[in-house]
Each structure stands twice: as C-alpha cells, then as structure tokens.
Amino acid sequence: MSLVDLIMPKLGESIMEATILRWHKQPGDTIAMDETVLDIATDKVDSEVPSTAAGVLEAILFKENDVVPIGTVIAKIKVEGMVAAVTASAPPPAASPKQYEDAKVVEEIPYQPTHTSTPSGTSSGMRFYSPLVLNIAQSEGVGMAELEQIPGSGQDGRVSKKDILAYVANRGKQTPAAAPASTASQAPAVITKTQPEKTEAQNLPVTYAGNVEIIEMDRMRKLIAKHMVDSKHTSPHVTSFAECDVTNLVQWRDKVKKEFERREGEKITFTPLFIEAIVKCLKKYPMLSSSVDGDRIIIKKDLNIGMATALPSGNLIVPVIKNADQLNLVGLTKQVNGLANAARTGKLKPDDTVGGTFTLTNVGTFGSIMGTPIINQPQVAIMAVGAIKKRPMIIETPQGDTIGIRHMMYISLSYDHRIIDGALGSTFLNAVSKELENFDPSRAV
C-alpha cells in the first residue's frame, strides 16, 4: 500500500489560492480515478477537483472554507502498489495556509528593485508587487525602500493589500523602544505596536430599527463588493457618453439572423457586433488596452475582450474572449454564446475569466439607456452599451433635412484618468460610435 498526494491544482496564471467549498468524500471512502473529491472556488469561478488515483481516501488535510495555496497537498489517497512516478513530481512543501489568508488574487506584474535589500520572510532580492499595492504605496507616501521592508503574507513573501493597509494604519502609532545609552555597535530599534482596547460599545451586537430583513452576502457577492471598492480606490474614474444611430446594424441583423442560425447553428446577438467595432478601434487607440504598473504603462498587444454576464443568482461574472481581433463575426458569435452559456450553467473554466484587456457590459439588456460602469482591474477602461430605442431624429440629406424614425443607442466609456485624458477617451468613444453608425447594411452573412 502506498499514499498518493492530492494537490490543489493550478487554476490559471494569476490565481494563487482557492477556497474549499465542499468535500464529496470523507476518510475511508473508496475513490475511483477522475472521480470528484471536492469542490473549490477562486475569486473567478467554482471548480471540481477529480482524484488523481484510484484507492481509499486516507486523510483530509483542510476543512471546508479553508483558503489553500495552489500546489499544497490537500488530501492523502491510499492506493495499491508503488506510485513512484506520482511522488517524484510532487511540488516542494508549501507554507502554511495562514500565510496566504490575506493574499489578493490580481494579475501580478514583476517589479525589479534597484538594490538587493532582502526583507525578512523573502528568499531573494527581487519582490513582486501588484498594481494595487504600488498605488496604495504611492498615495500613502510609502517609498520603495520602505515598501521593501514590509513583511509580506502572500506567496514568496509578497505584500498583499491587507499587509500595506495594516502597515499604513499602524505607521503613525509605532513607538521605538529606548536604545541603550552607550554601546560599541548600535542595535536596531525595536518597534512596538499599540493595540487599541475594545470598548464595551464595540462588543454590543448591531441592532436595526424598524421592520428589516437581514441577508448575509454570499461568497461571490462579497468578492464583487471588494473588487468594486478596490477599483474605485485604485483608479480615478471618468465617464464619457456618446449617442449613435445603429439603424443599419439593427436592420441588417433582423434580415440575416434566421439564415445565420440555420447555417451556423448559433443565434447572432448584438454583442459580437459591438465587440467587432471595439476591437477595430482598440487597434487605432492601443492605450485603451493597457494597465498601470507604478509609473509604467503596459500596453497589451493581445486584445482579450471581457463581457460582463449576469448569472441567475443576480451576481456578475466576466468571461474573456481571447485574441478577439483574430476572430471573424462567426467566431466571435460562437465565443460569445459559448461563454455566456457556460457562465449561466456554472461550466466556466478558471482560464475563461483571466487575461482580459478591455471589458464590455450591456446595461441595455435590463432596460437601462446608459450606465457608468466601474473598471475591471487591472484594465484601464470599460464600455457600456444601453438599450436601443426608436426615436424621431433629424436626417441630413442632399435634398435637405427630414425627420425619420431611427434606432438610437447611448454608449458610455469609464476610463482611468491617471493615463487616459478626456480627449483620448472621448476620441475612442466617438470612433466606436462611428463604426456602429457606418455599419454596411449590404454586408454578406
């Protein structure tokens, strides 16, 4: 008999940890190869973890709701015979789960310090800082030399958002211990943190006046709330608006949708047509497909378009169409429909929600004529399209102005004012508007 390690799998490039939602098996249960052992969740999607061997579950090393780093052994499976091949490829021992409790899953961008000072808790002279941590440090006046001395609770000693906020909160409360009066070589001062005492009022339960219903947020809603607050804290948001006449686009879709579905087996919605226009304009204005790393702007050459999708639960998720600029309209339609269906049925893979460089959200689906969306970090822009409404409009013709019924739509762009000014944001927005207005009504399917 031998023991095989069941390891927390890698769930995407930027994902460092996952939460155990439910164990389907308990110690002593028989497990078949590829049978689901547990459900896990990241801040993106929920996934099942299958068994990597057939045998008997010997031990469970983490409880439900524990946050576990990627690559950590989470269970032991007793199998018949020797499995040298499995144990040979086992990863190095991971740090305790406590070390990762405060880690925030963001797209990490490496930062190379100018010197090799090594803070305690790290194993090399190079540390990695997320854009969020760097922005908090800059706004709070924490220099790079000071930042490198902050102990990190993340993977490889990385500084998380909670680490730097705790440091900033306690920086003004720290008091150095008295140094010895006379020594040959001065020892570093000892910093003591003062912990405020909880008052009796703080220990009392919160009460609400009147007739109220209290609903506990589910895990996804808590994550959405946190990401929205973090985004507003990170990026100074500006929103511009434009109105566009999409009559040609609407009439073309009405004309071809039955033939398109018969030929391709897919329903064509407005979303792939909007994404097609956005991609064309991102190629003209690449700054809108970028991210901020301290004082550097990282322009993303791969145009990966996120599309905000409402779930039956009322929550929101953003699956990503990778390399959208390399897909024709049929390819975009199949990607849009496939990802939307996977999101609604809980079949999204972790990689389906990472790597986005620009996001589209359709607030018109629920009847809104316009919206002011919040940027999906670490991106720098997000576009919202409103409901398409028929309105009387003045039409300019060579014979003079007339009034006609047109299909009109408002579009809005929220962008990061640190690197995108009003001129560039409005220029990009109007370019998208013109692409939609100048849609070719005689275009082949």
Protein backbone atom coordinates (compact mmCIF):
# COMPACT_ATOMS: atom_id res chain seq x y z
CA MET A 1 0.00 0.00 0.00
CA SER A 2 1.23 3.50 -0.84
CA LEU A 3 -0.01 7.03 -0.22
CA VAL A 4 -0.62 9.46 -3.10
CA ASP A 5 -0.83 13.21 -2.50
CA LEU A 6 -3.90 15.03 -3.84
CA ILE A 7 -2.67 18.53 -4.66
CA MET A 8 -4.57 21.80 -5.05
CA PRO A 9 -4.41 22.20 -8.86
CA LYS A 10 -3.25 25.25 -10.79
CA LEU A 11 -6.35 27.15 -11.86
CA GLY A 12 -4.93 29.91 -14.05
CA GLU A 13 -1.87 32.09 -14.41
CA SER A 14 -2.88 34.77 -11.90
CA ILE A 15 -4.61 32.53 -9.35
CA MET A 16 -2.54 31.74 -6.24
CA GLU A 17 -5.13 30.18 -3.93
CA ALA A 18 -8.56 28.58 -3.77
CA THR A 19 -11.27 28.09 -1.14
CA ILE A 20 -12.52 24.60 -0.33
CA LEU A 21 -16.31 24.67 -0.66
CA ARG A 22 -17.31 21.06 -0.07
CA TRP A 23 -15.74 17.63 0.36
CA HIS A 24 -17.65 14.97 -1.60
CA LYS A 25 -15.60 12.18 0.02
CA GLN A 26 -14.62 11.50 3.62
CA PRO A 27 -11.73 9.46 5.08
CA GLY A 28 -12.36 5.77 4.46
CA ASP A 29 -14.40 6.31 1.28
CA THR A 30 -13.39 4.49 -1.89
CA ILE A 31 -12.40 6.76 -4.79
CA ALA A 32 -12.20 5.94 -8.49
CA MET A 33 -9.75 7.60 -10.90
CA ASP A 34 -11.05 11.04 -12.02
CA GLU A 35 -13.96 10.89 -9.56
CA THR A 36 -14.81 14.27 -7.99
CA VAL A 37 -13.34 14.54 -4.50
CA LEU A 38 -14.13 18.16 -3.61
CA ASP A 39 -15.45 21.48 -4.92
CA ILE A 40 -13.21 24.55 -4.79
CA ALA A 41 -13.68 28.21 -5.61
CA THR A 42 -11.46 31.10 -6.66
CA ASP A 43 -12.49 34.73 -6.93
CA LYS A 44 -13.40 33.89 -10.55
CA VAL A 45 -15.18 30.54 -10.82
CA ASP A 46 -16.07 27.35 -8.95
CA SER A 47 -14.44 24.06 -10.00
CA GLU A 48 -14.41 20.37 -9.17
CA VAL A 49 -11.17 18.58 -8.22
CA PRO A 50 -11.00 14.98 -9.50
CA SER A 51 -8.95 12.21 -7.93
CA THR A 52 -5.55 11.54 -9.50
CA ALA A 53 -5.56 7.90 -8.36
CA ALA A 54 -7.93 5.08 -7.51
CA GLY A 55 -7.94 3.94 -3.89
CA VAL A 56 -9.22 4.87 -0.44
CA LEU A 57 -9.22 8.41 0.96
CA GLU A 58 -6.78 8.18 3.86
CA ALA A 59 -6.83 11.72 5.23
CA ILE A 60 -8.24 15.20 4.60
CA LEU A 61 -5.75 17.94 5.46
CA PHE A 62 -8.00 21.01 5.21
CA LYS A 63 -11.54 21.81 6.29
CA GLU A 64 -14.34 23.34 4.26
CA ASN A 65 -13.99 27.15 3.82
CA ASP A 66 -10.20 26.92 4.28
CA VAL A 67 -8.17 29.04 1.83
CA VAL A 68 -5.39 26.89 0.38
CA PRO A 69 -2.40 27.95 -1.79
CA ILE A 70 -2.01 26.37 -5.22
CA GLY A 71 0.31 23.33 -5.11
CA THR A 72 -0.47 22.44 -1.49
CA VAL A 73 -1.25 18.83 -0.55
CA ILE A 74 -4.92 18.78 0.49
CA ALA A 75 -5.55 15.05 0.96
CA LYS A 76 -3.90 11.61 1.03
CA ILE A 77 -5.14 8.65 -1.01
CA LYS A 78 -4.14 5.07 -0.15
CA VAL A 79 -3.53 3.01 -3.30
CA GLU A 80 -2.30 -0.49 -4.10
CA GLY A 81 1.32 -0.88 -5.28
CA MET A 82 4.06 1.68 -5.76
CA VAL A 83 3.50 5.06 -7.39
CA ALA A 84 6.99 6.42 -7.70
CA ALA A 85 6.03 8.46 -10.74
CA VAL A 86 3.49 10.45 -8.73
CA THR A 87 5.64 11.17 -5.73
CA ALA A 88 8.61 12.10 -7.89
CA SER A 89 6.74 15.01 -9.39
CA ALA A 90 5.32 16.29 -6.11
CA PRO A 91 5.89 20.03 -5.59
CA PRO A 92 8.09 21.42 -2.83
CA PRO A 93 6.43 21.83 0.57
CA ALA A 94 4.14 24.83 0.70
CA ALA A 95 3.92 27.32 3.51
CA SER A 96 1.10 27.06 5.99
CA PRO A 97 -2.35 28.21 4.86
CA LYS A 98 -2.26 31.01 7.42
CA GLN A 99 0.49 32.70 5.43
CA TYR A 100 -1.87 33.09 2.48
CA GLU A 101 -5.05 34.17 4.19
CA ASP A 102 -4.67 37.79 3.11
CA ALA A 103 -3.38 37.18 -0.43
CA LYS A 104 -5.37 39.00 -3.10
CA VAL A 105 -5.72 37.41 -6.50
CA VAL A 106 -4.71 40.01 -9.06
CA GLU A 107 -2.62 39.93 -12.17
CA GLU A 108 0.84 40.27 -10.70
CA ILE A 109 3.37 42.37 -12.63
CA PRO A 110 7.01 41.85 -11.61
CA TYR A 111 8.90 44.81 -10.23
CA GLN A 112 12.72 44.74 -10.05
CA PRO A 113 14.06 46.86 -7.17
CA THR A 114 17.12 48.98 -7.84
CA HIS A 115 19.03 47.30 -4.99
CA THR A 116 19.05 43.84 -3.48
CA SER A 117 17.97 44.54 0.07
CA THR A 118 16.18 41.42 1.24
CA PRO A 119 13.34 41.89 3.72
CA SER A 120 12.65 39.28 6.31
CA GLY A 121 10.47 36.47 5.12
CA THR A 122 11.67 36.54 1.48
CA SER A 123 14.15 34.29 -0.20
CA SER A 124 15.70 36.59 -2.83
CA GLY A 125 16.45 40.24 -3.58
CA MET A 126 13.54 40.59 -6.01
CA ARG A 127 9.97 41.08 -4.81
CA PHE A 128 6.74 41.23 -6.74
CA TYR A 129 4.15 43.96 -6.20
CA SER A 130 0.65 44.10 -7.67
CA PRO A 131 -0.53 47.38 -9.26
CA LEU A 132 -2.96 47.83 -6.36
CA VAL A 133 -0.19 47.62 -3.74
CA LEU A 134 2.02 50.03 -5.69
CA ASN A 135 -0.82 52.54 -6.00
CA ILE A 136 -1.63 52.37 -2.30
CA ALA A 137 2.05 52.90 -1.51
CA GLN A 138 2.24 55.90 -3.83
CA SER A 139 -0.95 57.51 -2.48
CA GLU A 140 0.14 56.98 1.15
CA GLY A 141 3.69 58.27 0.58
CA VAL A 142 5.37 54.92 1.19
CA GLY A 143 8.66 54.93 -0.70
CA MET A 144 10.07 51.87 -2.45
CA ALA A 145 12.80 51.42 0.16
CA GLU A 146 10.16 51.48 2.90
CA LEU A 147 7.86 49.16 0.92
CA GLU A 148 10.60 46.57 0.61
CA GLN A 149 10.86 46.37 4.42
CA ILE A 150 7.18 45.48 4.92
CA PRO A 151 6.76 41.77 5.78
CA GLY A 152 4.51 40.10 3.21
CA SER A 153 1.93 37.42 3.98
CA GLY A 154 1.49 36.37 0.35
CA GLN A 155 3.24 33.74 -1.72
CA ASP A 156 7.05 34.08 -1.61
CA GLY A 157 6.68 36.92 0.88
CA ARG A 158 4.63 39.11 -1.43
CA VAL A 159 2.98 42.16 0.13
CA SER A 160 -0.81 41.99 -0.10
CA LYS A 161 -3.29 44.83 0.06
CA LYS A 162 -4.07 43.96 3.69
CA ASP A 163 -0.36 43.99 4.57
CA ILE A 164 0.24 47.51 3.29
CA LEU A 165 -3.02 48.90 4.68
CA ALA A 166 -2.16 47.46 8.09
CA TYR A 167 1.32 48.96 7.85
CA VAL A 168 -0.05 52.40 6.91
CA ALA A 169 -2.66 52.25 9.68
CA ASN A 170 -0.02 51.47 12.32
CA ARG A 171 2.78 53.63 10.96
CA GLY A 172 1.74 56.65 12.99
CA LYS A 173 1.17 54.55 16.13
CA GLN A 174 4.58 52.89 16.24
CA THR A 175 6.94 53.97 19.01
CA PRO A 176 10.58 52.90 19.08
CA ALA A 177 11.89 51.37 22.28
CA ALA A 178 14.62 53.30 24.07
CA ALA A 179 18.09 52.48 22.72
CA PRO A 180 20.95 51.59 25.09
CA ALA A 181 22.80 54.63 26.44
CA SER A 182 26.23 53.60 25.19
CA THR A 183 27.20 50.58 23.07
CA ALA A 184 30.02 49.76 20.70
CA SER A 185 27.62 48.99 17.88
CA GLN A 186 24.03 50.25 17.97
CA ALA A 187 21.34 47.60 17.67
CA PRO A 188 18.25 48.40 15.56
CA ALA A 189 15.34 49.93 17.46
CA VAL A 190 12.51 47.63 18.46
CA ILE A 191 9.10 48.72 17.20
CA THR A 192 6.12 48.04 19.44
CA LYS A 193 2.59 48.23 18.06
CA THR A 194 -0.08 49.64 20.33
CA GLN A 195 -3.35 47.75 20.12
CA PRO A 196 -6.41 49.90 20.86
CA GLU A 197 -8.60 48.41 23.53
CA LYS A 198 -12.12 47.45 22.51
CA THR A 199 -14.75 49.48 24.29
CA GLU A 200 -17.89 47.94 25.72
CA ALA A 201 -19.96 49.61 22.97
CA GLN A 202 -17.92 47.88 20.26
CA ASN A 203 -18.73 44.47 21.75
CA LEU A 204 -22.51 45.02 21.66
CA PRO A 205 -24.47 43.40 18.80
CA VAL A 206 -25.60 45.73 15.99
CA THR A 207 -29.32 46.50 16.07
CA TYR A 208 -31.51 47.90 13.27
CA ALA A 209 -34.59 49.99 13.84
CA GLY A 210 -37.89 49.24 12.12
CA ASN A 211 -39.11 46.23 10.15
CA VAL A 212 -35.99 44.89 8.38
CA GLU A 213 -34.76 41.71 6.76
CA ILE A 214 -31.06 40.87 7.10
CA ILE A 215 -29.45 38.90 4.24
CA GLU A 216 -25.93 37.55 4.53
CA MET A 217 -23.85 38.16 1.39
CA ASP A 218 -22.79 35.00 -0.41
CA ARG A 219 -19.12 34.42 -1.24
CA MET A 220 -19.33 35.78 -4.79
CA ARG A 221 -21.19 38.93 -3.74
CA LYS A 222 -18.53 39.63 -1.10
CA LEU A 223 -15.82 39.28 -3.76
CA ILE A 224 -17.69 41.54 -6.19
CA ALA A 225 -18.14 44.16 -3.47
CA LYS A 226 -14.45 44.03 -2.60
CA HIS A 227 -13.33 44.28 -6.23
CA MET A 228 -15.60 47.27 -6.88
CA VAL A 229 -14.29 49.17 -3.85
CA ASP A 230 -10.70 48.28 -4.75
CA SER A 231 -11.22 49.51 -8.31
CA LYS A 232 -12.57 52.90 -7.19
CA HIS A 233 -9.69 53.16 -4.73
CA THR A 234 -7.12 52.33 -7.43
CA SER A 235 -8.33 54.29 -10.46
CA PRO A 236 -9.73 57.84 -10.68
CA HIS A 237 -12.80 57.13 -12.81
CA VAL A 238 -14.04 59.42 -15.58
CA THR A 239 -17.04 58.55 -17.78
CA SER A 240 -17.80 59.95 -21.25
CA PHE A 241 -21.01 59.43 -23.23
CA ALA A 242 -21.94 59.31 -26.91
CA GLU A 243 -25.14 58.71 -28.87
CA CYS A 244 -25.08 56.61 -32.03
CA ASP A 245 -27.55 55.74 -34.76
CA VAL A 246 -27.48 51.93 -35.10
CA THR A 247 -30.36 51.67 -37.59
CA ASN A 248 -28.25 49.98 -40.28
CA LEU A 249 -26.89 47.46 -37.77
CA VAL A 250 -30.35 46.62 -36.37
CA GLN A 251 -31.92 46.21 -39.81
CA TRP A 252 -29.02 44.04 -41.05
CA ARG A 253 -29.30 41.72 -38.04
CA ASP A 254 -33.07 41.41 -38.47
CA LYS A 255 -32.53 40.48 -42.11
CA VAL A 256 -29.82 37.82 -41.62
CA LYS A 257 -30.49 36.28 -38.18
CA LYS A 258 -32.62 33.37 -39.42
CA GLU A 259 -30.18 32.47 -42.20
CA PHE A 260 -27.24 32.87 -39.82
CA GLU A 261 -28.78 30.49 -37.26
CA ARG A 262 -29.70 27.94 -39.93
CA ARG A 263 -26.18 27.95 -41.39
CA GLU A 264 -24.04 28.28 -38.26
CA GLY A 265 -26.29 26.74 -35.60
CA GLU A 266 -25.87 29.87 -33.46
CA LYS A 267 -28.11 32.85 -32.73
CA ILE A 268 -26.43 36.14 -33.60
CA THR A 269 -26.91 38.81 -30.93
CA PHE A 270 -25.73 42.41 -30.88
CA THR A 271 -22.79 41.60 -28.56
CA PRO A 272 -20.40 40.18 -31.20
CA LEU A 273 -21.19 43.17 -33.45
CA PHE A 274 -20.31 45.56 -30.60
CA ILE A 275 -17.09 43.63 -29.84
CA GLU A 276 -16.11 43.72 -33.53
CA ALA A 277 -16.38 47.53 -33.53
CA ILE A 278 -14.49 47.85 -30.24
CA VAL A 279 -11.60 45.70 -31.48
CA LYS A 280 -11.20 47.81 -34.63
CA CYS A 281 -10.93 50.96 -32.51
CA LEU A 282 -8.56 49.42 -29.96
CA LYS A 283 -6.12 48.82 -32.81
CA LYS A 284 -6.25 52.56 -33.59
CA TYR A 285 -6.02 53.60 -29.93
CA PRO A 286 -3.98 50.89 -28.12
CA MET A 287 -3.69 52.93 -24.90
CA LEU A 288 -7.23 51.82 -24.06
CA SER A 289 -5.94 48.22 -23.88
CA SER A 290 -3.31 48.65 -21.18
CA SER A 291 -2.61 48.54 -17.46
CA VAL A 292 -0.63 50.65 -14.99
CA ASP A 293 2.42 49.39 -13.09
CA GLY A 294 3.61 52.19 -10.80
CA ASP A 295 4.99 54.83 -13.19
CA ARG A 296 4.89 52.50 -16.17
CA ILE A 297 2.15 51.89 -18.74
CA ILE A 298 1.90 48.31 -20.02
CA ILE A 299 0.19 48.22 -23.43
CA LYS A 300 -1.41 44.83 -24.12
CA LYS A 301 -0.91 43.64 -27.70
CA ASP A 302 -3.29 40.70 -27.22
CA LEU A 303 -6.83 42.06 -27.44
CA ASN A 304 -8.80 39.95 -24.95
CA ILE A 305 -12.31 41.32 -24.52
CA GLY A 306 -14.22 40.63 -21.32
CA MET A 307 -18.02 40.62 -21.47
CA ALA A 308 -19.92 41.18 -18.25
CA THR A 309 -22.50 38.39 -17.84
CA ALA A 310 -25.37 38.30 -15.34
CA LEU A 311 -25.85 35.00 -13.52
CA PRO A 312 -29.20 33.53 -12.46
CA SER A 313 -28.25 34.30 -8.85
CA GLY A 314 -28.06 38.01 -9.67
CA ASN A 315 -24.27 38.07 -9.39
CA LEU A 316 -21.95 39.12 -12.20
CA ILE A 317 -19.01 37.38 -13.87
CA VAL A 318 -16.76 38.47 -16.75
CA PRO A 319 -15.69 35.68 -19.13
CA VAL A 320 -12.98 36.69 -21.61
CA ILE A 321 -12.80 36.24 -25.39
CA LYS A 322 -9.10 35.67 -26.05
CA ASN A 323 -7.49 37.25 -29.16
CA ALA A 324 -10.81 38.74 -30.27
CA ASP A 325 -9.07 40.63 -33.08
CA GLN A 326 -8.21 37.32 -34.77
CA LEU A 327 -11.84 36.12 -34.95
CA ASN A 328 -14.37 36.85 -37.67
CA LEU A 329 -18.03 37.52 -36.89
CA VAL A 330 -18.90 33.82 -36.84
CA GLY A 331 -16.03 33.08 -34.46
CA LEU A 332 -16.99 35.97 -32.18
CA THR A 333 -20.63 34.81 -32.12
CA LYS A 334 -19.68 31.27 -31.13
CA GLN A 335 -17.31 32.53 -28.43
CA VAL A 336 -19.92 34.94 -27.02
CA ASN A 337 -22.69 32.33 -26.94
CA GLY A 338 -20.44 29.58 -25.61
CA LEU A 339 -19.02 31.64 -22.75
CA ALA A 340 -22.42 33.11 -21.83
CA ASN A 341 -24.00 29.65 -21.64
CA ALA A 342 -21.05 28.28 -19.65
CA ALA A 343 -21.35 31.18 -17.19
CA ARG A 344 -25.07 30.65 -16.64
CA THR A 345 -24.72 26.89 -16.17
CA GLY A 346 -21.63 27.07 -13.94
CA LYS A 347 -19.39 25.42 -16.54
CA LEU A 348 -16.76 28.17 -16.90
CA LYS A 349 -13.14 27.12 -16.53
CA PRO A 350 -10.73 29.24 -14.46
CA ASP A 351 -8.82 30.34 -17.58
CA ASP A 352 -12.08 31.64 -19.11
CA THR A 353 -12.11 34.62 -16.73
CA VAL A 354 -8.48 35.81 -16.72
CA GLY A 355 -6.32 37.85 -19.07
CA GLY A 356 -8.90 40.47 -20.13
CA THR A 357 -7.55 43.74 -21.51
CA PHE A 358 -10.86 45.62 -22.09
CA THR A 359 -14.42 44.96 -20.93
CA LEU A 360 -17.87 45.43 -22.50
CA THR A 361 -21.03 45.49 -20.41
CA ASN A 362 -24.55 45.65 -21.87
CA VAL A 363 -26.75 47.56 -19.43
CA GLY A 364 -29.44 47.77 -22.12
CA THR A 365 -30.26 44.09 -21.56
CA PHE A 366 -32.19 45.14 -18.44
CA GLY A 367 -33.75 48.27 -19.97
CA SER A 368 -31.20 50.93 -18.90
CA ILE A 369 -30.48 53.52 -21.59
CA MET A 370 -27.00 54.30 -20.23
CA GLY A 371 -24.62 53.45 -17.39
CA THR A 372 -21.42 54.46 -15.63
CA PRO A 373 -19.56 51.14 -15.27
CA ILE A 374 -16.68 50.51 -12.84
CA ILE A 375 -13.34 49.49 -14.35
CA ASN A 376 -12.42 45.81 -14.14
CA GLN A 377 -8.89 45.98 -12.64
CA PRO A 378 -6.13 45.92 -13.76
CA GLN A 379 -7.67 47.20 -17.01
CA VAL A 380 -7.97 50.93 -17.65
CA ALA A 381 -11.30 51.16 -19.49
CA ILE A 382 -14.77 49.60 -19.73
CA MET A 383 -17.58 50.38 -22.18
CA ALA A 384 -21.31 50.16 -21.51
CA VAL A 385 -23.99 49.96 -24.21
CA GLY A 386 -27.55 50.97 -23.41
CA ALA A 387 -30.93 49.88 -24.71
CA ILE A 388 -31.67 50.51 -28.39
CA LYS A 389 -34.70 52.79 -28.68
CA LYS A 390 -36.65 54.10 -31.68
CA ARG A 391 -36.72 57.89 -31.73
CA PRO A 392 -37.60 60.64 -34.20
CA MET A 393 -34.35 62.13 -35.46
CA ILE A 394 -33.32 64.80 -37.94
CA ILE A 395 -31.79 63.17 -41.03
CA GLU A 396 -29.50 65.27 -43.23
CA THR A 397 -29.82 64.54 -46.96
CA PRO A 398 -28.59 66.32 -50.14
CA GLN A 399 -32.20 67.42 -50.70
CA GLY A 400 -32.48 68.89 -47.18
CA ASP A 401 -33.24 67.86 -43.62
CA THR A 402 -36.07 65.47 -42.84
CA ILE A 403 -37.39 63.75 -39.73
CA GLY A 404 -37.33 59.96 -39.59
CA ILE A 405 -37.64 57.08 -37.14
CA ARG A 406 -34.16 55.81 -36.21
CA HIS A 407 -32.77 53.15 -33.85
CA MET A 408 -30.67 55.12 -31.32
CA MET A 409 -28.36 53.93 -28.55
CA TYR A 410 -26.23 55.59 -25.87
CA ILE A 411 -22.76 54.23 -25.22
CA SER A 412 -20.50 55.19 -22.32
CA LEU A 413 -16.83 54.70 -21.50
CA SER A 414 -15.37 54.74 -17.99
CA TYR A 415 -11.59 55.11 -18.02
CA ASP A 416 -8.62 55.51 -15.71
CA HIS A 417 -7.80 59.22 -15.63
CA ARG A 418 -4.23 58.51 -14.49
CA ILE A 419 -3.25 57.67 -18.07
CA ILE A 420 -6.31 58.38 -20.25
CA ASP A 421 -7.36 62.00 -20.55
CA GLY A 422 -10.75 63.23 -21.70
CA ALA A 423 -9.52 63.90 -25.23
CA LEU A 424 -8.33 60.31 -25.78
CA GLY A 425 -11.32 58.75 -24.00
CA SER A 426 -13.84 60.80 -26.00
CA THR A 427 -11.97 60.22 -29.27
CA PHE A 428 -12.04 56.45 -28.75
CA LEU A 429 -15.72 56.52 -27.76
CA ASN A 430 -16.68 58.51 -30.86
CA ALA A 431 -14.61 56.16 -33.04
CA VAL A 432 -16.68 53.22 -31.76
CA SER A 433 -19.85 55.22 -32.37
CA LYS A 434 -18.84 55.89 -35.99
CA GLU A 435 -18.01 52.21 -36.55
CA LEU A 436 -21.52 51.27 -35.42
CA GLU A 437 -23.21 54.06 -37.38
CA ASN A 438 -21.32 53.25 -40.58
CA PHE A 439 -22.21 49.55 -40.48
CA ASP A 440 -22.60 48.20 -44.02
CA PRO A 441 -26.27 47.16 -44.46
CA SER A 442 -25.39 45.13 -47.58
CA ARG A 443 -22.73 43.07 -45.78
CA ALA A 444 -22.69 39.37 -46.55
CA VAL A 445 -23.58 36.95 -43.78
